[in-house]
C-alpha atoms as a PDB file:
ATOM      1  CA  MET A   1    -121.970-140.792  96.185  1.00  0.00           C
ATOM      2  CA  ALA A   2    -122.045-139.944  92.511  1.00  0.00           C
ATOM      3  CA  SER A   3    -123.266-141.719  89.386  1.00  0.00           C
ATOM      4  CA  VAL A   4    -120.763-140.739  86.707  1.00  0.00           C
ATOM      5  CA  LEU A   5    -120.696-141.423  82.956  1.00  0.00           C
ATOM      6  CA  VAL A   6    -117.243-142.697  81.942  1.00  0.00           C
ATOM      7  CA  ARG A   7    -116.274-142.695  78.247  1.00  0.00           C
ATOM      8  CA  TYR A   8    -113.338-144.677  76.879  1.00  0.00           C
ATOM      9  CA  TYR A   9    -111.211-143.897  73.837  1.00  0.00           C
ATOM     10  CA  ALA A  10    -108.674-145.686  71.629  1.00  0.00           C
ATOM     11  CA  ASN A  11    -107.158-148.851  73.141  1.00  0.00           C
ATOM     12  CA  LEU A  12    -109.263-148.568  76.291  1.00  0.00           C
ATOM     13  CA  ARG A  13    -112.312-149.483  74.228  1.00  0.00           C
ATOM     14  CA  ASP A  14    -110.566-152.716  73.253  1.00  0.00           C
ATOM     15  CA  ILE A  15    -109.936-153.525  76.919  1.00  0.00           C
ATOM     16  CA  THR A  16    -113.376-152.580  78.250  1.00  0.00           C
ATOM     17  CA  ARG A  17    -115.304-153.640  75.125  1.00  0.00           C
ATOM     18  CA  LYS A  18    -117.420-150.538  75.766  1.00  0.00           C
ATOM     19  CA  LYS A  19    -117.548-146.949  74.593  1.00  0.00           C
ATOM     20  CA  GLU A  20    -119.026-145.788  77.886  1.00  0.00           C
ATOM     21  CA  GLU A  21    -120.618-146.895  81.129  1.00  0.00           C
ATOM     22  CA  VAL A  22    -122.041-145.443  84.320  1.00  0.00           C
ATOM     23  CA  ILE A  23    -120.043-145.949  87.521  1.00  0.00           C
ATOM     24  CA  SER A  24    -121.736-145.269  90.853  1.00  0.00           C
ATOM     25  CA  GLY A  25    -120.699-145.080  94.464  1.00  0.00           C
ATOM     26  CA  GLN A  26    -117.453-143.094  94.234  1.00  0.00           C
ATOM     27  CA  SER A  27    -116.872-139.507  95.285  1.00  0.00           C
ATOM     28  CA  ASP A  28    -113.603-138.770  93.451  1.00  0.00           C
ATOM     29  CA  LEU A  29    -111.657-139.657  90.333  1.00  0.00           C
ATOM     30  CA  GLN A  30    -109.257-141.958  92.203  1.00  0.00           C
ATOM     31  CA  GLY A  31    -112.225-144.015  93.389  1.00  0.00           C
ATOM     32  CA  ILE A  32    -113.615-144.308  89.856  1.00  0.00           C
ATOM     33  CA  LEU A  33    -110.227-145.406  88.497  1.00  0.00           C
ATOM     34  CA  SER A  34    -109.855-147.971  91.299  1.00  0.00           C
ATOM     35  CA  VAL A  35    -113.235-149.475  90.366  1.00  0.00           C
ATOM     36  CA  LEU A  36    -112.198-149.593  86.704  1.00  0.00           C
ATOM     37  CA  VAL A  37    -108.823-151.215  87.441  1.00  0.00           C
ATOM     38  CA  SER A  38    -110.592-153.830  89.577  1.00  0.00           C
ATOM     39  CA  ALA A  39    -113.068-154.510  86.764  1.00  0.00           C
ATOM     40  CA  TYR A  40    -110.642-154.525  83.819  1.00  0.00           C
ATOM     41  CA  GLY A  41    -107.373-155.662  85.361  1.00  0.00           C
ATOM     42  CA  GLU A  42    -103.700-155.132  84.803  1.00  0.00           C
ATOM     43  CA  ARG A  43    -103.935-154.290  81.109  1.00  0.00           C
ATOM     44  CA  PHE A  44    -106.239-151.362  81.960  1.00  0.00           C
ATOM     45  CA  ARG A  45    -103.968-150.283  84.830  1.00  0.00           C
ATOM     46  CA  GLY A  46    -100.924-150.441  82.565  1.00  0.00           C
ATOM     47  CA  MET A  47    -102.546-148.094  80.053  1.00  0.00           C
ATOM     48  CA  LEU A  48    -102.953-145.389  82.703  1.00  0.00           C
ATOM     49  CA  PHE A  49    -100.407-145.862  85.493  1.00  0.00           C
ATOM     50  CA  ARG A  50     -96.668-146.370  85.974  1.00  0.00           C
ATOM     51  CA  GLU A  51     -95.369-147.024  89.491  1.00  0.00           C
ATOM     52  CA  GLY A  52     -98.642-145.862  91.012  1.00  0.00           C
ATOM     53  CA  SER A  53     -98.763-142.505  89.192  1.00  0.00           C
ATOM     54  CA  LEU A  54    -100.778-141.454  86.196  1.00  0.00           C
ATOM     55  CA  ILE A  55     -98.729-141.658  82.996  1.00  0.00           C
ATOM     56  CA  GLY A  56     -97.832-138.154  81.829  1.00  0.00           C
ATOM     57  CA  ASN A  57     -99.563-138.259  78.457  1.00  0.00           C
ATOM     58  CA  VAL A  58    -102.811-139.812  79.685  1.00  0.00           C
ATOM     59  CA  ILE A  59    -105.627-137.289  79.374  1.00  0.00           C
ATOM     60  CA  ILE A  60    -108.579-137.443  81.748  1.00  0.00           C
ATOM     61  CA  LEU A  61    -111.311-134.869  81.416  1.00  0.00           C
ATOM     62  CA  VAL A  62    -114.056-134.246  83.958  1.00  0.00           C
ATOM     63  CA  ASN A  63    -116.865-132.291  82.359  1.00  0.00           C
ATOM     64  CA  GLY A  64    -114.468-131.260  79.588  1.00  0.00           C
ATOM     65  CA  ARG A  65    -111.686-129.980  81.873  1.00  0.00           C
ATOM     66  CA  ASN A  66    -108.323-131.714  82.045  1.00  0.00           C
ATOM     67  CA  VAL A  67    -107.779-132.880  85.641  1.00  0.00           C
ATOM     68  CA  VAL A  68    -104.080-131.928  85.535  1.00  0.00           C
ATOM     69  CA  PHE A  69    -105.218-128.286  85.689  1.00  0.00           C
ATOM     70  CA  GLY A  70    -107.284-128.985  88.787  1.00  0.00           C
ATOM     71  CA  ASP A  71    -107.069-131.495  91.609  1.00  0.00           C
ATOM     72  CA  GLY A  72    -105.788-134.435  89.542  1.00  0.00           C
ATOM     73  CA  LEU A  73    -106.851-137.816  90.871  1.00  0.00           C
ATOM     74  CA  SER A  74    -108.389-136.085  93.903  1.00  0.00           C
ATOM     75  CA  THR A  75    -110.950-134.353  91.682  1.00  0.00           C
ATOM     76  CA  ARG A  76    -114.311-134.555  93.443  1.00  0.00           C
ATOM     77  CA  LEU A  77    -117.227-135.931  91.443  1.00  0.00           C
ATOM     78  CA  LYS A  78    -120.917-135.241  91.689  1.00  0.00           C
ATOM     79  CA  ASP A  79    -123.947-136.983  90.286  1.00  0.00           C
ATOM     80  CA  GLY A  80    -124.177-136.523  86.524  1.00  0.00           C
ATOM     81  CA  ASP A  81    -120.514-135.684  85.917  1.00  0.00           C
ATOM     82  CA  GLU A  82    -118.845-136.987  82.758  1.00  0.00           C
ATOM     83  CA  VAL A  83    -115.344-138.471  82.686  1.00  0.00           C
ATOM     84  CA  ASP A  84    -113.447-138.988  79.414  1.00  0.00           C
ATOM     85  CA  ILE A  85    -110.301-141.151  79.508  1.00  0.00           C
ATOM     86  CA  PHE A  86    -107.763-140.962  76.673  1.00  0.00           C
ATOM     87  CA  PRO A  87    -104.816-143.389  76.945  1.00  0.00           C
ATOM     88  CA  PRO A  88    -101.380-142.518  75.574  1.00  0.00           C
ATOM     89  CA  VAL A  89    -101.297-142.682  71.803  1.00  0.00           C
ATOM     90  CA  ALA A  90     -98.161-143.999  70.143  1.00  0.00           C
ATOM     91  CA  GLY A  91     -97.258-143.406  66.573  1.00  0.00           C
ATOM     92  CA  GLY A  92     -96.277-140.679  64.223  1.00  0.00           C
ATOM     93  CA  SER A  93     -93.410-140.570  61.821  1.00  0.00           C
END
């Protein structure tokens, strides 16, 4: 099982009250996100998921690569990987 550095951006930092943390014991991205939802609750889940699927404009990078161009939530993780989670950003004019 991997120890992975997870970094939070924008509103997720307000929810987690952290910029980053290490999550251990999961072998894929879905497992990491399940741990985070359990730790941070429905507000965290709502920032990332709608009806069980990742919201389209959520960006999750594993080692700098967007997971939508790979295996998505099934992306395998290894010790030392880095996960960056960017929630949807509203705004503009």
